[in-house]
Protein backbone atom coordinates (compact mmCIF):
# COMPACT_ATOMS: atom_id res chain seq x y z
CA UNK A 1 0.00 0.00 0.00
CA UNK A 2 1.29 3.44 -0.90
CA UNK A 3 0.06 6.72 0.48
CA UNK A 4 -0.93 9.36 -2.06
CA UNK A 5 0.22 12.91 -1.45
CA UNK A 6 -1.32 15.08 -4.16
CA UNK A 7 -2.13 18.74 -3.73
CA UNK A 8 -3.82 19.97 -0.56
CA UNK A 9 -7.58 19.48 -0.51
CA UNK A 10 -7.65 17.09 -3.44
CA UNK A 11 -10.90 15.16 -3.14
CA UNK A 12 -9.42 12.35 -5.24
CA UNK A 13 -6.82 11.57 -2.58
CA UNK A 14 -9.19 11.31 0.34
CA UNK A 15 -12.74 11.28 -0.98
CA UNK A 16 -14.34 9.83 2.17
CA UNK A 17 -12.77 12.38 4.49
CA UNK A 18 -13.58 15.23 2.12
CA UNK A 19 -17.19 14.03 1.91
CA UNK A 20 -17.42 13.82 5.71
CA UNK A 21 -16.14 17.36 6.26
CA UNK A 22 -18.32 18.72 3.45
CA UNK A 23 -21.38 17.09 5.04
CA UNK A 24 -20.53 18.47 8.48
CA UNK A 25 -20.13 21.98 7.11
CA UNK A 26 -23.28 21.83 4.97
CA UNK A 27 -25.58 20.09 7.46
CA UNK A 28 -24.44 21.36 10.87
CA UNK A 29 -22.39 24.52 10.53
CA UNK A 30 -24.34 26.71 8.12
CA UNK A 31 -25.12 29.60 10.43
CA UNK A 32 -22.89 31.64 12.67
CA UNK A 33 -22.29 30.08 16.06
CA UNK A 34 -22.17 32.48 19.01
CA UNK A 35 -19.86 30.50 21.30
CA UNK A 36 -17.39 27.65 21.25
CA UNK A 37 -19.77 25.73 23.51
CA UNK A 38 -22.58 26.11 20.96
CA UNK A 39 -20.25 24.95 18.17
CA UNK A 40 -19.23 21.88 20.17
CA UNK A 41 -22.86 21.04 20.91
CA UNK A 42 -23.84 21.37 17.23
CA UNK A 43 -20.94 19.16 16.14
CA UNK A 44 -21.67 16.56 18.85
CA UNK A 45 -25.34 16.39 17.86
CA UNK A 46 -24.47 16.05 14.19
CA UNK A 47 -21.90 13.31 14.88
CA UNK A 48 -24.49 11.41 16.92
CA UNK A 49 -26.93 11.69 14.01
CA UNK A 50 -24.24 10.82 11.43
CA UNK A 51 -23.05 7.72 13.30
CA UNK A 52 -26.48 6.32 14.09
CA UNK A 53 -29.32 7.59 11.91
CA UNK A 54 -27.99 9.25 8.74
CA UNK A 55 -28.35 7.10 5.62
CA UNK A 56 -25.06 6.33 3.90
CA UNK A 57 -24.66 5.45 0.24
CA UNK A 58 -21.82 3.07 1.11
CA UNK A 59 -24.29 1.08 3.26
CA UNK A 60 -26.91 0.76 0.55
CA UNK A 61 -28.69 3.91 1.77
CA UNK A 62 -29.31 2.42 5.21
CA UNK A 63 -28.48 4.12 8.47
CA UNK A 64 -25.63 2.51 10.43
CA UNK A 65 -28.15 1.21 12.97
CA UNK A 66 -30.33 -0.33 10.24
CA UNK A 67 -27.28 -1.82 8.52
CA UNK A 68 -26.06 -3.40 11.75
CA UNK A 69 -29.52 -4.83 12.54
CA UNK A 70 -29.76 -6.29 9.03
CA UNK A 71 -26.25 -7.74 9.28
CA UNK A 72 -27.02 -9.37 12.63
CA UNK A 73 -30.27 -10.86 11.30
CA UNK A 74 -28.48 -12.31 8.27
CA UNK A 75 -25.68 -13.66 10.45
CA UNK A 76 -28.16 -15.37 12.79
CA UNK A 77 -29.89 -17.01 9.83
CA UNK A 78 -26.55 -18.27 8.52
CA UNK A 79 -25.67 -19.81 11.87
CA UNK A 80 -29.07 -21.48 12.18
CA UNK A 81 -28.94 -22.96 8.69
PDB file of N, CA and C in Angstrom:
ATOM      1  N   UNK A   1       0.845  -1.161   0.000  1.00  0.00           N
ATOM      2  CA  UNK A   1       0.000   0.000   0.000  1.00  0.00           C
ATOM      3  C   UNK A   1       0.900   1.236   0.000  1.00  0.00           C
ATOM      4  N   UNK A   2       0.515   2.209  -0.802  1.00  0.00           N
ATOM      5  CA  UNK A   2       1.287   3.439  -0.902  1.00  0.00           C
ATOM      6  C   UNK A   2       0.390   4.636  -0.653  1.00  0.00           C
ATOM      7  N   UNK A   3       0.829   5.534   0.167  1.00  0.00           N
ATOM      8  CA  UNK A   3       0.057   6.723   0.479  1.00  0.00           C
ATOM      9  C   UNK A   3       0.180   7.749  -0.645  1.00  0.00           C
ATOM     10  N   UNK A   4      -0.939   8.344  -1.008  1.00  0.00           N
ATOM     11  CA  UNK A   4      -0.931   9.356  -2.058  1.00  0.00           C
ATOM     12  C   UNK A   4      -0.817  10.734  -1.434  1.00  0.00           C
ATOM     13  N   UNK A   5       0.031  11.563  -1.975  1.00  0.00           N
ATOM     14  CA  UNK A   5       0.217  12.912  -1.452  1.00  0.00           C
ATOM     15  C   UNK A   5       0.104  13.923  -2.590  1.00  0.00           C
ATOM     16  N   UNK A   6      -1.088  14.089  -3.114  1.00  0.00           N
ATOM     17  CA  UNK A   6      -1.323  15.076  -4.157  1.00  0.00           C
ATOM     18  C   UNK A   6      -1.430  16.453  -3.522  1.00  0.00           C
ATOM     19  N   UNK A   7      -1.997  17.372  -4.241  1.00  0.00           N
ATOM     20  CA  UNK A   7      -2.131  18.737  -3.734  1.00  0.00           C
ATOM     21  C   UNK A   7      -3.110  18.787  -2.556  1.00  0.00           C
ATOM     22  N   UNK A   8      -2.984  19.789  -1.737  1.00  0.00           N
ATOM     23  CA  UNK A   8      -3.817  19.970  -0.557  1.00  0.00           C
ATOM     24  C   UNK A   8      -5.282  20.100  -0.965  1.00  0.00           C
ATOM     25  N   UNK A   9      -6.153  19.389  -0.261  1.00  0.00           N
ATOM     26  CA  UNK A   9      -7.583  19.485  -0.513  1.00  0.00           C
ATOM     27  C   UNK A   9      -8.071  18.715  -1.726  1.00  0.00           C
ATOM     28  N   UNK A  10      -7.242  17.861  -2.275  1.00  0.00           N
ATOM     29  CA  UNK A  10      -7.653  17.088  -3.443  1.00  0.00           C
ATOM     30  C   UNK A  10      -8.650  16.016  -3.023  1.00  0.00           C
ATOM     31  N   UNK A  11      -9.866  16.113  -3.518  1.00  0.00           N
ATOM     32  CA  UNK A  11     -10.898  15.158  -3.136  1.00  0.00           C
ATOM     33  C   UNK A  11     -10.605  13.770  -3.677  1.00  0.00           C
ATOM     34  N   UNK A  12      -9.753  13.665  -4.692  1.00  0.00           N
ATOM     35  CA  UNK A  12      -9.422  12.354  -5.242  1.00  0.00           C
ATOM     36  C   UNK A  12      -8.525  11.572  -4.296  1.00  0.00           C
ATOM     37  N   UNK A  13      -7.715  12.251  -3.518  1.00  0.00           N
ATOM     38  CA  UNK A  13      -6.822  11.569  -2.580  1.00  0.00           C
ATOM     39  C   UNK A  13      -7.566  11.007  -1.378  1.00  0.00           C
ATOM     40  N   UNK A  14      -8.529  11.735  -0.883  1.00  0.00           N
ATOM     41  CA  UNK A  14      -9.195  11.312   0.342  1.00  0.00           C
ATOM     42  C   UNK A  14     -10.684  11.624   0.236  1.00  0.00           C
ATOM     43  N   UNK A  15     -11.352  10.968  -0.671  1.00  0.00           N
ATOM     44  CA  UNK A  15     -12.744  11.281  -0.975  1.00  0.00           C
ATOM     45  C   UNK A  15     -13.661  11.096   0.228  1.00  0.00           C
ATOM     46  N   UNK A  16     -13.458  10.057   1.016  1.00  0.00           N
ATOM     47  CA  UNK A  16     -14.338   9.830   2.171  1.00  0.00           C
ATOM     48  C   UNK A  16     -14.200  10.937   3.213  1.00  0.00           C
ATOM     49  N   UNK A  17     -12.978  11.316   3.508  1.00  0.00           N
ATOM     50  CA  UNK A  17     -12.766  12.379   4.490  1.00  0.00           C
ATOM     51  C   UNK A  17     -13.309  13.708   3.972  1.00  0.00           C
ATOM     52  N   UNK A  18     -13.071  13.990   2.703  1.00  0.00           N
ATOM     53  CA  UNK A  18     -13.581  15.230   2.119  1.00  0.00           C
ATOM     54  C   UNK A  18     -15.106  15.252   2.162  1.00  0.00           C
ATOM     55  N   UNK A  19     -15.738  14.123   1.875  1.00  0.00           N
ATOM     56  CA  UNK A  19     -17.191  14.028   1.915  1.00  0.00           C
ATOM     57  C   UNK A  19     -17.719  14.237   3.327  1.00  0.00           C
ATOM     58  N   UNK A  20     -17.034  13.656   4.306  1.00  0.00           N
ATOM     59  CA  UNK A  20     -17.424  13.819   5.707  1.00  0.00           C
ATOM     60  C   UNK A  20     -17.394  15.287   6.123  1.00  0.00           C
ATOM     61  N   UNK A  21     -16.272  15.956   5.859  1.00  0.00           N
ATOM     62  CA  UNK A  21     -16.139  17.362   6.263  1.00  0.00           C
ATOM     63  C   UNK A  21     -17.125  18.250   5.510  1.00  0.00           C
ATOM     64  N   UNK A  22     -17.351  17.955   4.241  1.00  0.00           N
ATOM     65  CA  UNK A  22     -18.316  18.724   3.454  1.00  0.00           C
ATOM     66  C   UNK A  22     -19.711  18.564   4.051  1.00  0.00           C
ATOM     67  N   UNK A  23     -20.071  17.338   4.429  1.00  0.00           N
ATOM     68  CA  UNK A  23     -21.381  17.090   5.044  1.00  0.00           C
ATOM     69  C   UNK A  23     -21.528  17.807   6.365  1.00  0.00           C
ATOM     70  N   UNK A  24     -20.497  17.768   7.187  1.00  0.00           N
ATOM     71  CA  UNK A  24     -20.532  18.471   8.478  1.00  0.00           C
ATOM     72  C   UNK A  24     -20.745  19.965   8.271  1.00  0.00           C
ATOM     73  N   UNK A  25     -20.000  20.547   7.368  1.00  0.00           N
ATOM     74  CA  UNK A  25     -20.129  21.983   7.112  1.00  0.00           C
ATOM     75  C   UNK A  25     -21.500  22.334   6.556  1.00  0.00           C
ATOM     76  N   UNK A  26     -22.002  21.536   5.615  1.00  0.00           N
ATOM     77  CA  UNK A  26     -23.277  21.828   4.972  1.00  0.00           C
ATOM     78  C   UNK A  26     -24.468  21.579   5.908  1.00  0.00           C
ATOM     79  N   UNK A  27     -24.421  20.486   6.670  1.00  0.00           N
ATOM     80  CA  UNK A  27     -25.576  20.088   7.461  1.00  0.00           C
ATOM     81  C   UNK A  27     -25.601  20.658   8.877  1.00  0.00           C
ATOM     82  N   UNK A  28     -24.455  20.949   9.457  1.00  0.00           N
ATOM     83  CA  UNK A  28     -24.437  21.360  10.865  1.00  0.00           C
ATOM     84  C   UNK A  28     -23.915  22.767  11.100  1.00  0.00           C
ATOM     85  N   UNK A  29     -23.071  23.257  10.239  1.00  0.00           N
ATOM     86  CA  UNK A  29     -22.389  24.523  10.532  1.00  0.00           C
ATOM     87  C   UNK A  29     -22.715  25.611   9.524  1.00  0.00           C
ATOM     88  N   UNK A  30     -23.969  25.703   9.123  1.00  0.00           N
ATOM     89  CA  UNK A  30     -24.343  26.709   8.120  1.00  0.00           C
ATOM     90  C   UNK A  30     -24.392  28.117   8.689  1.00  0.00           C
ATOM     91  N   UNK A  31     -24.969  28.275   9.849  1.00  0.00           N
ATOM     92  CA  UNK A  31     -25.118  29.605  10.427  1.00  0.00           C
ATOM     93  C   UNK A  31     -23.951  29.956  11.325  1.00  0.00           C
ATOM     94  N   UNK A  32     -23.920  31.196  11.747  1.00  0.00           N
ATOM     95  CA  UNK A  32     -22.890  31.641  12.667  1.00  0.00           C
ATOM     96  C   UNK A  32     -23.184  31.082  14.052  1.00  0.00           C
ATOM     97  N   UNK A  33     -22.154  30.621  14.717  1.00  0.00           N
ATOM     98  CA  UNK A  33     -22.293  30.077  16.063  1.00  0.00           C
ATOM     99  C   UNK A  33     -21.741  31.098  17.052  1.00  0.00           C
ATOM    100  N   UNK A  34     -22.508  31.396  18.085  1.00  0.00           N
ATOM    101  CA  UNK A  34     -22.166  32.480  19.007  1.00  0.00           C
ATOM    102  C   UNK A  34     -20.989  32.132  19.910  1.00  0.00           C
ATOM    103  N   UNK A  35     -20.908  30.878  20.338  1.00  0.00           N
ATOM    104  CA  UNK A  35     -19.863  30.499  21.296  1.00  0.00           C
ATOM    105  C   UNK A  35     -19.214  29.180  20.887  1.00  0.00           C
ATOM    106  N   UNK A  36     -18.068  28.923  21.468  1.00  0.00           N
ATOM    107  CA  UNK A  36     -17.386  27.648  21.250  1.00  0.00           C
ATOM    108  C   UNK A  36     -18.250  26.519  21.793  1.00  0.00           C
ATOM    109  N   UNK A  37     -18.897  26.755  22.927  1.00  0.00           N
ATOM    110  CA  UNK A  37     -19.770  25.730  23.512  1.00  0.00           C
ATOM    111  C   UNK A  37     -20.910  25.368  22.552  1.00  0.00           C
ATOM    112  N   UNK A  38     -21.504  26.359  21.927  1.00  0.00           N
ATOM    113  CA  UNK A  38     -22.575  26.114  20.964  1.00  0.00           C
ATOM    114  C   UNK A  38     -22.043  25.323  19.760  1.00  0.00           C
ATOM    115  N   UNK A  39     -20.855  25.663  19.288  1.00  0.00           N
ATOM    116  CA  UNK A  39     -20.252  24.946  18.167  1.00  0.00           C
ATOM    117  C   UNK A  39     -20.004  23.483  18.536  1.00  0.00           C
ATOM    118  N   UNK A  40     -19.470  23.252  19.723  1.00  0.00           N
ATOM    119  CA  UNK A  40     -19.228  21.877  20.174  1.00  0.00           C
ATOM    120  C   UNK A  40     -20.521  21.087  20.265  1.00  0.00           C
ATOM    121  N   UNK A  41     -21.566  21.712  20.784  1.00  0.00           N
ATOM    122  CA  UNK A  41     -22.858  21.044  20.914  1.00  0.00           C
ATOM    123  C   UNK A  41     -23.418  20.692  19.539  1.00  0.00           C
ATOM    124  N   UNK A  42     -23.351  21.626  18.588  1.00  0.00           N
ATOM    125  CA  UNK A  42     -23.840  21.375  17.227  1.00  0.00           C
ATOM    126  C   UNK A  42     -23.080  20.212  16.582  1.00  0.00           C
ATOM    127  N   UNK A  43     -21.760  20.217  16.731  1.00  0.00           N
ATOM    128  CA  UNK A  43     -20.941  19.158  16.137  1.00  0.00           C
ATOM    129  C   UNK A  43     -21.239  17.818  16.805  1.00  0.00           C
ATOM    130  N   UNK A  44     -21.359  17.795  18.134  1.00  0.00           N
ATOM    131  CA  UNK A  44     -21.672  16.559  18.847  1.00  0.00           C
ATOM    132  C   UNK A  44     -23.015  15.993  18.403  1.00  0.00           C
ATOM    133  N   UNK A  45     -24.016  16.856  18.294  1.00  0.00           N
ATOM    134  CA  UNK A  45     -25.342  16.395  17.864  1.00  0.00           C
ATOM    135  C   UNK A  45     -25.298  15.850  16.443  1.00  0.00           C
ATOM    136  N   UNK A  46     -24.563  16.519  15.567  1.00  0.00           N
ATOM    137  CA  UNK A  46     -24.467  16.053  14.190  1.00  0.00           C
ATOM    138  C   UNK A  46     -23.728  14.716  14.114  1.00  0.00           C
ATOM    139  N   UNK A  47     -22.645  14.575  14.880  1.00  0.00           N
ATOM    140  CA  UNK A  47     -21.904  13.313  14.881  1.00  0.00           C
ATOM    141  C   UNK A  47     -22.765  12.164  15.393  1.00  0.00           C
ATOM    142  N   UNK A  48     -23.578  12.417  16.406  1.00  0.00           N
ATOM    143  CA  UNK A  48     -24.489  11.408  16.923  1.00  0.00           C
ATOM    144  C   UNK A  48     -25.469  10.989  15.835  1.00  0.00           C
ATOM    145  N   UNK A  49     -26.018  11.954  15.131  1.00  0.00           N
ATOM    146  CA  UNK A  49     -26.926  11.689  14.013  1.00  0.00           C
ATOM    147  C   UNK A  49     -26.192  10.932  12.897  1.00  0.00           C
ATOM    148  N   UNK A  50     -25.010  11.403  12.532  1.00  0.00           N
ATOM    149  CA  UNK A  50     -24.237  10.822  11.429  1.00  0.00           C
ATOM    150  C   UNK A  50     -23.888   9.359  11.711  1.00  0.00           C
ATOM    151  N   UNK A  51     -23.496   9.074  12.948  1.00  0.00           N
ATOM    152  CA  UNK A  51     -23.046   7.724  13.297  1.00  0.00           C
ATOM    153  C   UNK A  51     -24.169   6.753  13.596  1.00  0.00           C
ATOM    154  N   UNK A  52     -25.395   7.230  13.735  1.00  0.00           N
ATOM    155  CA  UNK A  52     -26.483   6.325  14.089  1.00  0.00           C
ATOM    156  C   UNK A  52     -27.634   6.339  13.089  1.00  0.00           C
ATOM    157  N   UNK A  53     -28.066   7.516  12.663  1.00  0.00           N
ATOM    158  CA  UNK A  53     -29.318   7.586  11.914  1.00  0.00           C
ATOM    159  C   UNK A  53     -29.190   8.056  10.466  1.00  0.00           C
ATOM    160  N   UNK A  54     -28.119   8.716  10.105  1.00  0.00           N
ATOM    161  CA  UNK A  54     -27.987   9.253   8.744  1.00  0.00           C
ATOM    162  C   UNK A  54     -27.767   8.113   7.758  1.00  0.00           C
ATOM    163  N   UNK A  55     -28.498   8.135   6.647  1.00  0.00           N
ATOM    164  CA  UNK A  55     -28.351   7.103   5.622  1.00  0.00           C
ATOM    165  C   UNK A  55     -27.053   7.337   4.852  1.00  0.00           C
ATOM    166  N   UNK A  56     -26.338   6.245   4.588  1.00  0.00           N
ATOM    167  CA  UNK A  56     -25.057   6.327   3.901  1.00  0.00           C
ATOM    168  C   UNK A  56     -25.119   5.544   2.596  1.00  0.00           C
ATOM    169  N   UNK A  57     -24.642   6.137   1.536  1.00  0.00           N
ATOM    170  CA  UNK A  57     -24.659   5.448   0.239  1.00  0.00           C
ATOM    171  C   UNK A  57     -23.789   4.199   0.268  1.00  0.00           C
ATOM    172  N   UNK A  58     -22.706   4.232   1.036  1.00  0.00           N
ATOM    173  CA  UNK A  58     -21.818   3.066   1.112  1.00  0.00           C
ATOM    174  C   UNK A  58     -22.459   1.893   1.851  1.00  0.00           C
ATOM    175  N   UNK A  59     -23.570   2.140   2.551  1.00  0.00           N
ATOM    176  CA  UNK A  59     -24.288   1.081   3.261  1.00  0.00           C
ATOM    177  C   UNK A  59     -25.597   0.733   2.565  1.00  0.00           C
ATOM    178  N   UNK A  60     -25.695   1.047   1.286  1.00  0.00           N
ATOM    179  CA  UNK A  60     -26.913   0.761   0.550  1.00  0.00           C
ATOM    180  C   UNK A  60     -28.054   1.677   0.970  1.00  0.00           C
ATOM    181  N   UNK A  61     -27.732   2.896   1.325  1.00  0.00           N
ATOM    182  CA  UNK A  61     -28.688   3.914   1.771  1.00  0.00           C
ATOM    183  C   UNK A  61     -29.465   3.475   3.014  1.00  0.00           C
ATOM    184  N   UNK A  62     -28.771   2.745   3.889  1.00  0.00           N
ATOM    185  CA  UNK A  62     -29.311   2.421   5.208  1.00  0.00           C
ATOM    186  C   UNK A  62     -28.564   3.252   6.233  1.00  0.00           C
ATOM    187  N   UNK A  63     -29.195   3.474   7.377  1.00  0.00           N
ATOM    188  CA  UNK A  63     -28.479   4.119   8.471  1.00  0.00           C
ATOM    189  C   UNK A  63     -27.547   3.079   9.079  1.00  0.00           C
ATOM    190  N   UNK A  64     -26.507   3.492   9.788  1.00  0.00           N
ATOM    191  CA  UNK A  64     -25.628   2.506  10.427  1.00  0.00           C
ATOM    192  C   UNK A  64     -26.380   1.559  11.364  1.00  0.00           C
ATOM    193  N   UNK A  65     -27.369   2.063  12.074  1.00  0.00           N
ATOM    194  CA  UNK A  65     -28.145   1.212  12.973  1.00  0.00           C
ATOM    195  C   UNK A  65     -28.926   0.168  12.174  1.00  0.00           C
ATOM    196  N   UNK A  66     -29.579   0.594  11.094  1.00  0.00           N
ATOM    197  CA  UNK A  66     -30.330  -0.335  10.244  1.00  0.00           C
ATOM    198  C   UNK A  66     -29.404  -1.366   9.607  1.00  0.00           C
ATOM    199  N   UNK A  67     -28.248  -0.921   9.149  1.00  0.00           N
ATOM    200  CA  UNK A  67     -27.285  -1.825   8.523  1.00  0.00           C
ATOM    201  C   UNK A  67     -26.817  -2.879   9.516  1.00  0.00           C
ATOM    202  N   UNK A  68     -26.518  -2.461  10.732  1.00  0.00           N
ATOM    203  CA  UNK A  68     -26.065  -3.405  11.751  1.00  0.00           C
ATOM    204  C   UNK A  68     -27.160  -4.403  12.106  1.00  0.00           C
ATOM    205  N   UNK A  69     -28.403  -3.930  12.241  1.00  0.00           N
ATOM    206  CA  UNK A  69     -29.516  -4.832  12.535  1.00  0.00           C
ATOM    207  C   UNK A  69     -29.700  -5.851  11.416  1.00  0.00           C
ATOM    208  N   UNK A  70     -29.617  -5.397  10.171  1.00  0.00           N
ATOM    209  CA  UNK A  70     -29.759  -6.288   9.025  1.00  0.00           C
ATOM    210  C   UNK A  70     -28.624  -7.314   9.004  1.00  0.00           C
ATOM    211  N   UNK A  71     -27.415  -6.850   9.269  1.00  0.00           N
ATOM    212  CA  UNK A  71     -26.249  -7.740   9.278  1.00  0.00           C
ATOM    213  C   UNK A  71     -26.405  -8.815  10.353  1.00  0.00           C
ATOM    214  N   UNK A  72     -26.832  -8.404  11.541  1.00  0.00           N
ATOM    215  CA  UNK A  72     -27.018  -9.373  12.628  1.00  0.00           C
ATOM    216  C   UNK A  72     -28.098 -10.386  12.288  1.00  0.00           C
ATOM    217  N   UNK A  73     -29.190  -9.942  11.678  1.00  0.00           N
ATOM    218  CA  UNK A  73     -30.270 -10.857  11.302  1.00  0.00           C
ATOM    219  C   UNK A  73     -29.779 -11.869  10.270  1.00  0.00           C
ATOM    220  N   UNK A  74     -29.014 -11.413   9.285  1.00  0.00           N
ATOM    221  CA  UNK A  74     -28.484 -12.312   8.265  1.00  0.00           C
ATOM    222  C   UNK A  74     -27.484 -13.295   8.875  1.00  0.00           C
ATOM    223  N   UNK A  75     -26.685 -12.815   9.810  1.00  0.00           N
ATOM    224  CA  UNK A  75     -25.677 -13.664  10.450  1.00  0.00           C
ATOM    225  C   UNK A  75     -26.357 -14.747  11.293  1.00  0.00           C
ATOM    226  N   UNK A  76     -27.417 -14.392  12.004  1.00  0.00           N
ATOM    227  CA  UNK A  76     -28.156 -15.374  12.793  1.00  0.00           C
ATOM    228  C   UNK A  76     -28.748 -16.449  11.898  1.00  0.00           C
ATOM    229  N   UNK A  77     -29.300 -16.044  10.753  1.00  0.00           N
ATOM    230  CA  UNK A  77     -29.886 -17.009   9.832  1.00  0.00           C
ATOM    231  C   UNK A  77     -28.819 -17.951   9.282  1.00  0.00           C
ATOM    232  N   UNK A  78     -27.645 -17.439   9.025  1.00  0.00           N
ATOM    233  CA  UNK A  78     -26.550 -18.268   8.515  1.00  0.00           C
ATOM    234  C   UNK A  78     -26.144 -19.301   9.552  1.00  0.00           C
ATOM    235  N   UNK A  79     -26.054 -18.895  10.817  1.00  0.00           N
ATOM    236  CA  UNK A  79     -25.671 -19.815  11.872  1.00  0.00           C
ATOM    237  C   UNK A  79     -26.725 -20.883  12.097  1.00  0.00           C
ATOM    238  N   UNK A  80     -27.982 -20.517  11.952  1.00  0.00           N
ATOM    239  CA  UNK A  80     -29.075 -21.475  12.176  1.00  0.00           C
ATOM    240  C   UNK A  80     -29.197 -22.468  11.035  1.00  0.00           C
ATOM    241  N   UNK A  81     -28.768 -22.105   9.863  1.00  0.00           N
ATOM    242  CA  UNK A  81     -28.942 -22.964   8.691  1.00  0.00           C
ATOM    243  C   UNK A  81     -27.957 -24.071   8.615  1.00  0.00           C
TER     244      UNK A  81
END
